[in-house]
């Protein structure tokens, strides 16, 4: 049984490479948009967790309060804020890369 010839065998080597590069660019932009969407969802989730921590947290205003519990919650809050900052930086990188990939495209008017 013989194997069928490759689809690109009759094309010159340079013609197929340009098509692959264009397809890879489009897929890359689409995957970047997916990563951006997931990052936004993570940001919303982390923000909800931060507000929940703040709602449950009592401020030490002279009332006898367990400082260990307060320090634990404060540490969690600071960790969530640090992670939120990282997520915003990641989202900015994805946004800049998507804009760079789409810079040469002409806008299509919506009808």
PDB file of N, CA and C in Angstrom:
ATOM      1  N   UNK A   1       0.837  -1.167   0.000  1.00  0.00           N
ATOM      2  CA  UNK A   1       0.000   0.000   0.000  1.00  0.00           C
ATOM      3  C   UNK A   1       0.887   1.237   0.000  1.00  0.00           C
ATOM      4  N   UNK A   2       0.642   2.119  -0.919  1.00  0.00           N
ATOM      5  CA  UNK A   2       1.481   3.314  -1.009  1.00  0.00           C
ATOM      6  C   UNK A   2       0.838   4.455  -0.228  1.00  0.00           C
ATOM      7  N   UNK A   3       1.682   5.313   0.278  1.00  0.00           N
ATOM      8  CA  UNK A   3       1.168   6.468   1.023  1.00  0.00           C
ATOM      9  C   UNK A   3       0.895   7.603   0.054  1.00  0.00           C
ATOM     10  N   UNK A   4      -0.162   8.359   0.299  1.00  0.00           N
ATOM     11  CA  UNK A   4      -0.467   9.473  -0.604  1.00  0.00           C
ATOM     12  C   UNK A   4       0.585  10.573  -0.451  1.00  0.00           C
ATOM     13  N   UNK A   5       0.812  11.333  -1.511  1.00  0.00           N
ATOM     14  CA  UNK A   5       1.800  12.413  -1.422  1.00  0.00           C
ATOM     15  C   UNK A   5       1.323  13.485  -0.444  1.00  0.00           C
ATOM     16  N   UNK A   6       2.273  14.189   0.114  1.00  0.00           N
ATOM     17  CA  UNK A   6       1.942  15.269   1.041  1.00  0.00           C
ATOM     18  C   UNK A   6       1.218  16.384   0.312  1.00  0.00           C
ATOM     19  N   UNK A   7       0.354  17.085   1.029  1.00  0.00           N
ATOM     20  CA  UNK A   7      -0.440  18.141   0.406  1.00  0.00           C
ATOM     21  C   UNK A   7       0.436  19.275  -0.111  1.00  0.00           C
ATOM     22  N   UNK A   8       1.508  19.577   0.575  1.00  0.00           N
ATOM     23  CA  UNK A   8       2.364  20.685   0.171  1.00  0.00           C
ATOM     24  C   UNK A   8       3.483  20.275  -0.763  1.00  0.00           C
ATOM     25  N   UNK A   9       3.506  19.026  -1.242  1.00  0.00           N
ATOM     26  CA  UNK A   9       4.612  18.546  -2.063  1.00  0.00           C
ATOM     27  C   UNK A   9       4.655  19.241  -3.414  1.00  0.00           C
ATOM     28  N   UNK A  10       3.501  19.602  -3.983  1.00  0.00           N
ATOM     29  CA  UNK A  10       3.492  20.221  -5.297  1.00  0.00           C
ATOM     30  C   UNK A  10       3.700  21.730  -5.220  1.00  0.00           C
ATOM     31  N   UNK A  11       3.609  22.311  -4.023  1.00  0.00           N
ATOM     32  CA  UNK A  11       3.791  23.753  -3.873  1.00  0.00           C
ATOM     33  C   UNK A  11       5.259  24.061  -3.636  1.00  0.00           C
ATOM     34  N   UNK A  12       5.694  25.232  -4.049  1.00  0.00           N
ATOM     35  CA  UNK A  12       7.060  25.618  -3.728  1.00  0.00           C
ATOM     36  C   UNK A  12       7.209  25.791  -2.214  1.00  0.00           C
ATOM     37  N   UNK A  13       8.399  25.546  -1.675  1.00  0.00           N
ATOM     38  CA  UNK A  13       8.582  25.581  -0.228  1.00  0.00           C
ATOM     39  C   UNK A  13       8.239  26.924   0.407  1.00  0.00           C
ATOM     40  N   UNK A  14       8.472  28.019  -0.262  1.00  0.00           N
ATOM     41  CA  UNK A  14       8.218  29.337   0.322  1.00  0.00           C
ATOM     42  C   UNK A  14       6.743  29.694   0.396  1.00  0.00           C
ATOM     43  N   UNK A  15       5.917  29.152  -0.483  1.00  0.00           N
ATOM     44  CA  UNK A  15       4.499  29.517  -0.515  1.00  0.00           C
ATOM     45  C   UNK A  15       3.765  29.005   0.714  1.00  0.00           C
ATOM     46  N   UNK A  16       4.082  27.814   1.139  1.00  0.00           N
ATOM     47  CA  UNK A  16       3.391  27.224   2.289  1.00  0.00           C
ATOM     48  C   UNK A  16       3.854  27.857   3.595  1.00  0.00           C
ATOM     49  N   UNK A  17       5.099  28.272   3.661  1.00  0.00           N
ATOM     50  CA  UNK A  17       5.640  28.873   4.886  1.00  0.00           C
ATOM     51  C   UNK A  17       4.927  30.177   5.212  1.00  0.00           C
ATOM     52  N   UNK A  18       4.601  30.974   4.206  1.00  0.00           N
ATOM     53  CA  UNK A  18       3.881  32.229   4.439  1.00  0.00           C
ATOM     54  C   UNK A  18       2.486  31.979   4.974  1.00  0.00           C
ATOM     55  N   UNK A  19       1.820  30.961   4.462  1.00  0.00           N
ATOM     56  CA  UNK A  19       0.486  30.611   4.939  1.00  0.00           C
ATOM     57  C   UNK A  19       0.544  30.128   6.377  1.00  0.00           C
ATOM     58  N   UNK A  20       1.549  29.328   6.697  1.00  0.00           N
ATOM     59  CA  UNK A  20       1.697  28.836   8.071  1.00  0.00           C
ATOM     60  C   UNK A  20       1.959  29.981   9.032  1.00  0.00           C
ATOM     61  N   UNK A  21       2.791  30.921   8.640  1.00  0.00           N
ATOM     62  CA  UNK A  21       3.110  32.050   9.516  1.00  0.00           C
ATOM     63  C   UNK A  21       1.865  32.881   9.780  1.00  0.00           C
ATOM     64  N   UNK A  22       1.051  33.099   8.750  1.00  0.00           N
ATOM     65  CA  UNK A  22      -0.184  33.866   8.925  1.00  0.00           C
ATOM     66  C   UNK A  22      -1.155  33.122   9.825  1.00  0.00           C
ATOM     67  N   UNK A  23      -1.285  31.809   9.636  1.00  0.00           N
ATOM     68  CA  UNK A  23      -2.185  31.014  10.475  1.00  0.00           C
ATOM     69  C   UNK A  23      -1.698  30.988  11.916  1.00  0.00           C
ATOM     70  N   UNK A  24      -0.389  30.876  12.099  1.00  0.00           N
ATOM     71  CA  UNK A  24       0.160  30.867  13.457  1.00  0.00           C
ATOM     72  C   UNK A  24      -0.077  32.202  14.136  1.00  0.00           C
ATOM     73  N   UNK A  25       0.001  33.282  13.381  1.00  0.00           N
ATOM     74  CA  UNK A  25      -0.237  34.609  13.957  1.00  0.00           C
ATOM     75  C   UNK A  25      -1.682  34.737  14.413  1.00  0.00           C
ATOM     76  N   UNK A  26      -2.625  34.271  13.610  1.00  0.00           N
ATOM     77  CA  UNK A  26      -4.036  34.346  13.977  1.00  0.00           C
ATOM     78  C   UNK A  26      -4.333  33.468  15.186  1.00  0.00           C
ATOM     79  N   UNK A  27      -3.814  32.265  15.192  1.00  0.00           N
ATOM     80  CA  UNK A  27      -4.033  31.363  16.319  1.00  0.00           C
ATOM     81  C   UNK A  27      -3.415  31.959  17.571  1.00  0.00           C
ATOM     82  N   UNK A  28      -2.245  32.537  17.425  1.00  0.00           N
ATOM     83  CA  UNK A  28      -1.571  33.137  18.562  1.00  0.00           C
ATOM     84  C   UNK A  28      -2.415  34.267  19.146  1.00  0.00           C
ATOM     85  N   UNK A  29      -2.990  35.113  18.306  1.00  0.00           N
ATOM     86  CA  UNK A  29      -3.831  36.204  18.789  1.00  0.00           C
ATOM     87  C   UNK A  29      -5.086  35.655  19.449  1.00  0.00           C
ATOM     88  N   UNK A  30      -5.661  34.621  18.871  1.00  0.00           N
ATOM     89  CA  UNK A  30      -6.856  34.023  19.470  1.00  0.00           C
ATOM     90  C   UNK A  30      -6.533  33.403  20.823  1.00  0.00           C
ATOM     91  N   UNK A  31      -5.406  32.727  20.913  1.00  0.00           N
ATOM     92  CA  UNK A  31      -5.038  32.131  22.202  1.00  0.00           C
ATOM     93  C   UNK A  31      -4.693  33.212  23.215  1.00  0.00           C
ATOM     94  N   UNK A  32      -4.107  34.304  22.757  1.00  0.00           N
ATOM     95  CA  UNK A  32      -3.845  35.425  23.662  1.00  0.00           C
ATOM     96  C   UNK A  32      -5.148  36.016  24.189  1.00  0.00           C
ATOM     97  N   UNK A  33      -6.145  36.109  23.328  1.00  0.00           N
ATOM     98  CA  UNK A  33      -7.450  36.616  23.777  1.00  0.00           C
ATOM     99  C   UNK A  33      -8.064  35.678  24.808  1.00  0.00           C
ATOM    100  N   UNK A  34      -7.895  34.386  24.621  1.00  0.00           N
ATOM    101  CA  UNK A  34      -8.390  33.403  25.590  1.00  0.00           C
ATOM    102  C   UNK A  34      -7.663  33.568  26.928  1.00  0.00           C
ATOM    103  N   UNK A  35      -6.351  33.745  26.871  1.00  0.00           N
ATOM    104  CA  UNK A  35      -5.573  33.965  28.094  1.00  0.00           C
ATOM    105  C   UNK A  35      -6.026  35.251  28.776  1.00  0.00           C
ATOM    106  N   UNK A  36      -6.274  36.288  27.984  1.00  0.00           N
ATOM    107  CA  UNK A  36      -6.766  37.549  28.544  1.00  0.00           C
ATOM    108  C   UNK A  36      -8.111  37.384  29.217  1.00  0.00           C
ATOM    109  N   UNK A  37      -9.001  36.611  28.598  1.00  0.00           N
ATOM    110  CA  UNK A  37     -10.319  36.359  29.181  1.00  0.00           C
ATOM    111  C   UNK A  37     -10.187  35.621  30.509  1.00  0.00           C
ATOM    112  N   UNK A  38      -9.335  34.613  30.552  1.00  0.00           N
ATOM    113  CA  UNK A  38      -9.133  33.864  31.794  1.00  0.00           C
ATOM    114  C   UNK A  38      -8.502  34.743  32.868  1.00  0.00           C
ATOM    115  N   UNK A  39      -7.618  35.641  32.454  1.00  0.00           N
ATOM    116  CA  UNK A  39      -6.984  36.552  33.413  1.00  0.00           C
ATOM    117  C   UNK A  39      -8.012  37.509  33.999  1.00  0.00           C
ATOM    118  N   UNK A  40      -8.913  38.016  33.171  1.00  0.00           N
ATOM    119  CA  UNK A  40      -9.972  38.898  33.677  1.00  0.00           C
ATOM    120  C   UNK A  40     -10.853  38.142  34.671  1.00  0.00           C
ATOM    121  N   UNK A  41     -11.176  36.884  34.368  1.00  0.00           N
ATOM    122  CA  UNK A  41     -11.977  36.089  35.299  1.00  0.00           C
ATOM    123  C   UNK A  41     -11.237  35.889  36.618  1.00  0.00           C
ATOM    124  N   UNK A  42      -9.926  35.656  36.561  1.00  0.00           N
ATOM    125  CA  UNK A  42      -9.126  35.526  37.781  1.00  0.00           C
ATOM    126  C   UNK A  42      -9.118  36.826  38.573  1.00  0.00           C
ATOM    127  N   UNK A  43      -9.031  37.961  37.874  1.00  0.00           N
ATOM    128  CA  UNK A  43      -9.033  39.264  38.547  1.00  0.00           C
ATOM    129  C   UNK A  43     -10.353  39.480  39.273  1.00  0.00           C
ATOM    130  N   UNK A  44     -11.456  39.157  38.618  1.00  0.00           N
ATOM    131  CA  UNK A  44     -12.771  39.319  39.254  1.00  0.00           C
ATOM    132  C   UNK A  44     -12.886  38.413  40.472  1.00  0.00           C
ATOM    133  N   UNK A  45     -12.436  37.170  40.345  1.00  0.00           N
ATOM    134  CA  UNK A  45     -12.506  36.223  41.456  1.00  0.00           C
ATOM    135  C   UNK A  45     -11.662  36.704  42.633  1.00  0.00           C
ATOM    136  N   UNK A  46     -10.436  37.143  42.353  1.00  0.00           N
ATOM    137  CA  UNK A  46      -9.552  37.635  43.426  1.00  0.00           C
ATOM    138  C   UNK A  46     -10.143  38.875  44.089  1.00  0.00           C
ATOM    139  N   UNK A  47     -10.738  39.754  43.294  1.00  0.00           N
ATOM    140  CA  UNK A  47     -11.342  40.962  43.856  1.00  0.00           C
ATOM    141  C   UNK A  47     -12.498  40.604  44.778  1.00  0.00           C
ATOM    142  N   UNK A  48     -13.300  39.628  44.385  1.00  0.00           N
ATOM    143  CA  UNK A  48     -14.393  39.180  45.254  1.00  0.00           C
ATOM    144  C   UNK A  48     -13.848  38.613  46.559  1.00  0.00           C
ATOM    145  N   UNK A  49     -12.752  37.853  46.480  1.00  0.00           N
ATOM    146  CA  UNK A  49     -12.136  37.306  47.692  1.00  0.00           C
ATOM    147  C   UNK A  49     -11.605  38.418  48.592  1.00  0.00           C
ATOM    148  N   UNK A  50     -11.031  39.454  47.993  1.00  0.00           N
ATOM    149  CA  UNK A  50     -10.515  40.578  48.778  1.00  0.00           C
ATOM    150  C   UNK A  50     -11.651  41.272  49.515  1.00  0.00           C
ATOM    151  N   UNK A  51     -12.757  41.519  48.829  1.00  0.00           N
ATOM    152  CA  UNK A  51     -13.889  42.175  49.488  1.00  0.00           C
ATOM    153  C   UNK A  51     -14.481  41.294  50.585  1.00  0.00           C
ATOM    154  N   UNK A  52     -14.490  39.994  50.371  1.00  0.00           N
ATOM    155  CA  UNK A  52     -14.979  39.086  51.409  1.00  0.00           C
ATOM    156  C   UNK A  52     -14.056  39.131  52.629  1.00  0.00           C
ATOM    157  N   UNK A  53     -12.748  39.141  52.406  1.00  0.00           N
ATOM    158  CA  UNK A  53     -11.804  39.256  53.523  1.00  0.00           C
ATOM    159  C   UNK A  53     -11.989  40.572  54.267  1.00  0.00           C
ATOM    160  N   UNK A  54     -12.166  41.653  53.528  1.00  0.00           N
ATOM    161  CA  UNK A  54     -12.350  42.955  54.170  1.00  0.00           C
ATOM    162  C   UNK A  54     -13.655  43.017  54.960  1.00  0.00           C
ATOM    163  N   UNK A  55     -14.690  42.387  54.444  1.00  0.00           N
ATOM    164  CA  UNK A  55     -15.976  42.397  55.137  1.00  0.00           C
ATOM    165  C   UNK A  55     -15.891  41.633  56.452  1.00  0.00           C
ATOM    166  N   UNK A  56     -15.149  40.531  56.461  1.00  0.00           N
ATOM    167  CA  UNK A  56     -15.040  39.697  57.658  1.00  0.00           C
ATOM    168  C   UNK A  56     -13.966  40.178  58.626  1.00  0.00           C
ATOM    169  N   UNK A  57     -13.188  41.144  58.217  1.00  0.00           N
ATOM    170  CA  UNK A  57     -12.059  41.591  59.029  1.00  0.00           C
ATOM    171  C   UNK A  57     -12.494  42.729  59.947  1.00  0.00           C
ATOM    172  N   UNK A  58     -12.165  42.607  61.236  1.00  0.00           N
ATOM    173  CA  UNK A  58     -12.432  43.686  62.177  1.00  0.00           C
ATOM    174  C   UNK A  58     -11.151  44.469  62.370  1.00  0.00           C
ATOM    175  N   UNK A  59     -11.285  45.762  62.426  1.00  0.00           N
ATOM    176  CA  UNK A  59     -10.111  46.584  62.652  1.00  0.00           C
ATOM    177  C   UNK A  59      -9.809  46.636  64.147  1.00  0.00           C
ATOM    178  N   UNK A  60      -8.556  46.592  64.531  1.00  0.00           N
ATOM    179  CA  UNK A  60      -8.199  46.648  65.955  1.00  0.00           C
ATOM    180  C   UNK A  60      -8.308  48.081  66.476  1.00  0.00           C
ATOM    181  N   UNK A  61      -9.485  48.454  66.966  1.00  0.00           N
ATOM    182  CA  UNK A  61      -9.714  49.823  67.420  1.00  0.00           C
ATOM    183  C   UNK A  61      -9.821  49.893  68.946  1.00  0.00           C
ATOM    184  N   UNK A  62      -8.930  49.245  69.630  1.00  0.00           N
ATOM    185  CA  UNK A  62      -8.923  49.291  71.082  1.00  0.00           C
ATOM    186  C   UNK A  62      -9.712  48.172  71.732  1.00  0.00           C
ATOM    187  N   UNK A  63     -10.488  47.444  70.969  1.00  0.00           N
ATOM    188  CA  UNK A  63     -11.269  46.335  71.494  1.00  0.00           C
ATOM    189  C   UNK A  63     -10.334  45.140  71.620  1.00  0.00           C
ATOM    190  N   UNK A  64     -10.527  44.343  72.655  1.00  0.00           N
ATOM    191  CA  UNK A  64      -9.691  43.152  72.787  1.00  0.00           C
ATOM    192  C   UNK A  64      -9.979  42.238  71.610  1.00  0.00           C
ATOM    193  N   UNK A  65      -8.959  41.950  70.885  1.00  0.00           N
ATOM    194  CA  UNK A  65      -9.098  41.181  69.650  1.00  0.00           C
ATOM    195  C   UNK A  65      -7.868  40.306  69.527  1.00  0.00           C
ATOM    196  N   UNK A  66      -8.038  39.172  68.963  1.00  0.00           N
ATOM    197  CA  UNK A  66      -6.915  38.251  68.791  1.00  0.00           C
ATOM    198  C   UNK A  66      -5.989  38.804  67.717  1.00  0.00           C
ATOM    199  N   UNK A  67      -4.835  39.231  68.147  1.00  0.00           N
ATOM    200  CA  UNK A  67      -3.901  39.812  67.177  1.00  0.00           C
ATOM    201  C   UNK A  67      -3.391  38.765  66.196  1.00  0.00           C
ATOM    202  N   UNK A  68      -3.332  37.514  66.621  1.00  0.00           N
ATOM    203  CA  UNK A  68      -2.905  36.448  65.711  1.00  0.00           C
ATOM    204  C   UNK A  68      -3.872  36.286  64.558  1.00  0.00           C
ATOM    205  N   UNK A  69      -5.168  36.312  64.857  1.00  0.00           N
ATOM    206  CA  UNK A  69      -6.187  36.198  63.814  1.00  0.00           C
ATOM    207  C   UNK A  69      -6.122  37.398  62.885  1.00  0.00           C
ATOM    208  N   UNK A  70      -5.960  38.576  63.480  1.00  0.00           N
ATOM    209  CA  UNK A  70      -5.872  39.797  62.678  1.00  0.00           C
ATOM    210  C   UNK A  70      -4.657  39.740  61.752  1.00  0.00           C
ATOM    211  N   UNK A  71      -3.514  39.324  62.281  1.00  0.00           N
ATOM    212  CA  UNK A  71      -2.297  39.247  61.474  1.00  0.00           C
ATOM    213  C   UNK A  71      -2.435  38.216  60.360  1.00  0.00           C
ATOM    214  N   UNK A  72      -3.117  37.109  60.652  1.00  0.00           N
ATOM    215  CA  UNK A  72      -3.339  36.072  59.646  1.00  0.00           C
ATOM    216  C   UNK A  72      -4.193  36.614  58.505  1.00  0.00           C
ATOM    217  N   UNK A  73      -5.278  37.295  58.853  1.00  0.00           N
ATOM    218  CA  UNK A  73      -6.159  37.857  57.820  1.00  0.00           C
ATOM    219  C   UNK A  73      -5.464  38.969  57.047  1.00  0.00           C
ATOM    220  N   UNK A  74      -4.674  39.759  57.745  1.00  0.00           N
ATOM    221  CA  UNK A  74      -3.929  40.818  57.072  1.00  0.00           C
ATOM    222  C   UNK A  74      -2.916  40.222  56.089  1.00  0.00           C
ATOM    223  N   UNK A  75      -2.265  39.146  56.478  1.00  0.00           N
ATOM    224  CA  UNK A  75      -1.329  38.469  55.580  1.00  0.00           C
ATOM    225  C   UNK A  75      -2.022  37.922  54.347  1.00  0.00           C
ATOM    226  N   UNK A  76      -3.208  37.318  54.542  1.00  0.00           N
ATOM    227  CA  UNK A  76      -3.976  36.811  53.396  1.00  0.00           C
ATOM    228  C   UNK A  76      -4.376  37.953  52.471  1.00  0.00           C
ATOM    229  N   UNK A  77      -4.796  39.066  53.067  1.00  0.00           N
ATOM    230  CA  UNK A  77      -5.205  40.217  52.273  1.00  0.00           C
ATOM    231  C   UNK A  77      -4.035  40.757  51.452  1.00  0.00           C
ATOM    232  N   UNK A  78      -2.884  40.870  52.072  1.00  0.00           N
ATOM    233  CA  UNK A  78      -1.706  41.357  51.349  1.00  0.00           C
ATOM    234  C   UNK A  78      -1.297  40.397  50.234  1.00  0.00           C
ATOM    235  N   UNK A  79      -1.423  39.105  50.472  1.00  0.00           N
ATOM    236  CA  UNK A  79      -1.101  38.119  49.435  1.00  0.00           C
ATOM    237  C   UNK A  79      -2.070  38.230  48.259  1.00  0.00           C
ATOM    238  N   UNK A  80      -3.364  38.400  48.547  1.00  0.00           N
ATOM    239  CA  UNK A  80      -4.350  38.563  47.470  1.00  0.00           C
ATOM    240  C   UNK A  80      -4.070  39.836  46.669  1.00  0.00           C
ATOM    241  N   UNK A  81      -3.710  40.907  47.349  1.00  0.00           N
ATOM    242  CA  UNK A  81      -3.403  42.152  46.642  1.00  0.00           C
ATOM    243  C   UNK A  81      -2.157  42.002  45.773  1.00  0.00           C
ATOM    244  N   UNK A  82      -1.168  41.267  46.254  1.00  0.00           N
ATOM    245  CA  UNK A  82       0.040  41.030  45.464  1.00  0.00           C
ATOM    246  C   UNK A  82      -0.297  40.222  44.212  1.00  0.00           C
ATOM    247  N   UNK A  83      -1.113  39.176  44.378  1.00  0.00           N
ATOM    248  CA  UNK A  83      -1.502  38.351  43.234  1.00  0.00           C
ATOM    249  C   UNK A  83      -2.356  39.148  42.250  1.00  0.00           C
ATOM    250  N   UNK A  84      -3.199  40.029  42.771  1.00  0.00           N
ATOM    251  CA  UNK A  84      -4.027  40.869  41.907  1.00  0.00           C
ATOM    252  C   UNK A  84      -3.151  41.805  41.072  1.00  0.00           C
ATOM    253  N   UNK A  85      -2.122  42.341  41.678  1.00  0.00           N
ATOM    254  CA  UNK A  85      -1.191  43.202  40.956  1.00  0.00           C
ATOM    255  C   UNK A  85      -0.493  42.428  39.837  1.00  0.00           C
ATOM    256  N   UNK A  86      -0.097  41.201  40.116  1.00  0.00           N
ATOM    257  CA  UNK A  86       0.544  40.354  39.103  1.00  0.00           C
ATOM    258  C   UNK A  86      -0.422  40.066  37.954  1.00  0.00           C
ATOM    259  N   UNK A  87      -1.684  39.794  38.278  1.00  0.00           N
ATOM    260  CA  UNK A  87      -2.678  39.511  37.239  1.00  0.00           C
ATOM    261  C   UNK A  87      -2.910  40.729  36.348  1.00  0.00           C
ATOM    262  N   UNK A  88      -2.934  41.926  36.946  1.00  0.00           N
ATOM    263  CA  UNK A  88      -3.106  43.129  36.129  1.00  0.00           C
ATOM    264  C   UNK A  88      -1.902  43.343  35.202  1.00  0.00           C
ATOM    265  N   UNK A  89      -0.701  43.054  35.677  1.00  0.00           N
ATOM    266  CA  UNK A  89       0.484  43.170  34.816  1.00  0.00           C
ATOM    267  C   UNK A  89       0.410  42.161  33.673  1.00  0.00           C
ATOM    268  N   UNK A  90      -0.041  40.944  33.978  1.00  0.00           N
ATOM    269  CA  UNK A  90      -0.185  39.908  32.946  1.00  0.00           C
ATOM    270  C   UNK A  90      -1.210  40.339  31.903  1.00  0.00           C
ATOM    271  N   UNK A  91      -2.334  40.901  32.373  1.00  0.00           N
ATOM    272  CA  UNK A  91      -3.371  41.355  31.453  1.00  0.00           C
ATOM    273  C   UNK A  91      -2.847  42.472  30.559  1.00  0.00           C
ATOM    274  N   UNK A  92      -2.046  43.355  31.106  1.00  0.00           N
ATOM    275  CA  UNK A  92      -1.479  44.445  30.311  1.00  0.00           C
ATOM    276  C   UNK A  92      -0.552  43.901  29.225  1.00  0.00           C
ATOM    277  N   UNK A  93       0.254  42.897  29.563  1.00  0.00           N
ATOM    278  CA  UNK A  93       1.140  42.288  28.566  1.00  0.00           C
ATOM    279  C   UNK A  93       0.337  41.633  27.445  1.00  0.00           C
ATOM    280  N   UNK A  94      -0.730  40.924  27.805  1.00  0.00           N
ATOM    281  CA  UNK A  94      -1.576  40.270  26.800  1.00  0.00           C
ATOM    282  C   UNK A  94      -2.231  41.321  25.911  1.00  0.00           C
ATOM    283  N   UNK A  95      -2.723  42.393  26.526  1.00  0.00           N
ATOM    284  CA  UNK A  95      -3.365  43.473  25.771  1.00  0.00           C
ATOM    285  C   UNK A  95      -2.388  44.103  24.779  1.00  0.00           C
ATOM    286  N   UNK A  96      -1.186  44.416  25.246  1.00  0.00           N
ATOM    287  CA  UNK A  96      -0.185  45.023  24.362  1.00  0.00           C
ATOM    288  C   UNK A  96       0.188  44.090  23.216  1.00  0.00           C
ATOM    289  N   UNK A  97       0.336  42.798  23.500  1.00  0.00           N
ATOM    290  CA  UNK A  97       0.702  41.833  22.458  1.00  0.00           C
ATOM    291  C   UNK A  97      -0.427  41.688  21.436  1.00  0.00           C
ATOM    292  N   UNK A  98      -1.678  41.660  21.892  1.00  0.00           N
ATOM    293  CA  UNK A  98      -2.810  41.570  20.953  1.00  0.00           C
ATOM    294  C   UNK A  98      -2.878  42.810  20.069  1.00  0.00           C
ATOM    295  N   UNK A  99      -2.663  43.986  20.651  1.00  0.00           N
ATOM    296  CA  UNK A  99      -2.651  45.210  19.845  1.00  0.00           C
ATOM    297  C   UNK A  99      -1.523  45.193  18.830  1.00  0.00           C
ATOM    298  N   UNK A 100      -0.379  44.674  19.218  1.00  0.00           N
ATOM    299  CA  UNK A 100       0.760  44.576  18.306  1.00  0.00           C
ATOM    300  C   UNK A 100       0.438  43.630  17.150  1.00  0.00           C
ATOM    301  N   UNK A 101      -0.204  42.500  17.456  1.00  0.00           N
ATOM    302  CA  UNK A 101      -0.548  41.530  16.408  1.00  0.00           C
ATOM    303  C   UNK A 101      -1.622  42.061  15.467  1.00  0.00           C
ATOM    304  N   UNK A 102      -2.507  42.906  15.958  1.00  0.00           N
ATOM    305  CA  UNK A 102      -3.627  43.395  15.151  1.00  0.00           C
ATOM    306  C   UNK A 102      -3.363  44.781  14.569  1.00  0.00           C
ATOM    307  N   UNK A 103      -2.159  45.299  14.698  1.00  0.00           N
ATOM    308  CA  UNK A 103      -1.860  46.662  14.252  1.00  0.00           C
ATOM    309  C   UNK A 103      -2.037  46.820  12.744  1.00  0.00           C
ATOM    310  N   UNK A 104      -1.714  45.814  11.964  1.00  0.00           N
ATOM    311  CA  UNK A 104      -1.790  45.923  10.515  1.00  0.00           C
ATOM    312  C   UNK A 104      -3.157  45.608   9.937  1.00  0.00           C
ATOM    313  N   UNK A 105      -4.090  45.207  10.750  1.00  0.00           N
ATOM    314  CA  UNK A 105      -5.411  44.836  10.247  1.00  0.00           C
ATOM    315  C   UNK A 105      -6.279  46.072  10.047  1.00  0.00           C
ATOM    316  N   UNK A 106      -7.095  46.040   8.999  1.00  0.00           N
ATOM    317  CA  UNK A 106      -8.026  47.138   8.748  1.00  0.00           C
ATOM    318  C   UNK A 106      -9.305  46.891   9.531  1.00  0.00           C
ATOM    319  N   UNK A 107      -9.845  47.908  10.187  1.00  0.00           N
ATOM    320  CA  UNK A 107     -11.102  47.714  10.918  1.00  0.00           C
ATOM    321  C   UNK A 107     -12.265  47.497   9.948  1.00  0.00           C
ATOM    322  N   UNK A 108     -13.142  46.604  10.308  1.00  0.00           N
ATOM    323  CA  UNK A 108     -14.315  46.302   9.495  1.00  0.00           C
ATOM    324  C   UNK A 108     -15.518  46.953  10.163  1.00  0.00           C
ATOM    325  N   UNK A 109     -16.238  47.830   9.436  1.00  0.00           N
ATOM    326  CA  UNK A 109     -17.399  48.482  10.067  1.00  0.00           C
ATOM    327  C   UNK A 109     -18.508  47.469  10.346  1.00  0.00           C
ATOM    328  N   UNK A 110     -19.153  47.632  11.475  1.00  0.00           N
ATOM    329  CA  UNK A 110     -20.258  46.748  11.858  1.00  0.00           C
ATOM    330  C   UNK A 110     -21.533  47.286  11.240  1.00  0.00           C
ATOM    331  N   UNK A 111     -22.264  46.423  10.571  1.00  0.00           N
ATOM    332  CA  UNK A 111     -23.499  46.847   9.902  1.00  0.00           C
ATOM    333  C   UNK A 111     -24.696  46.596  10.761  1.00  0.00           C
TER     334      UNK A 111
END
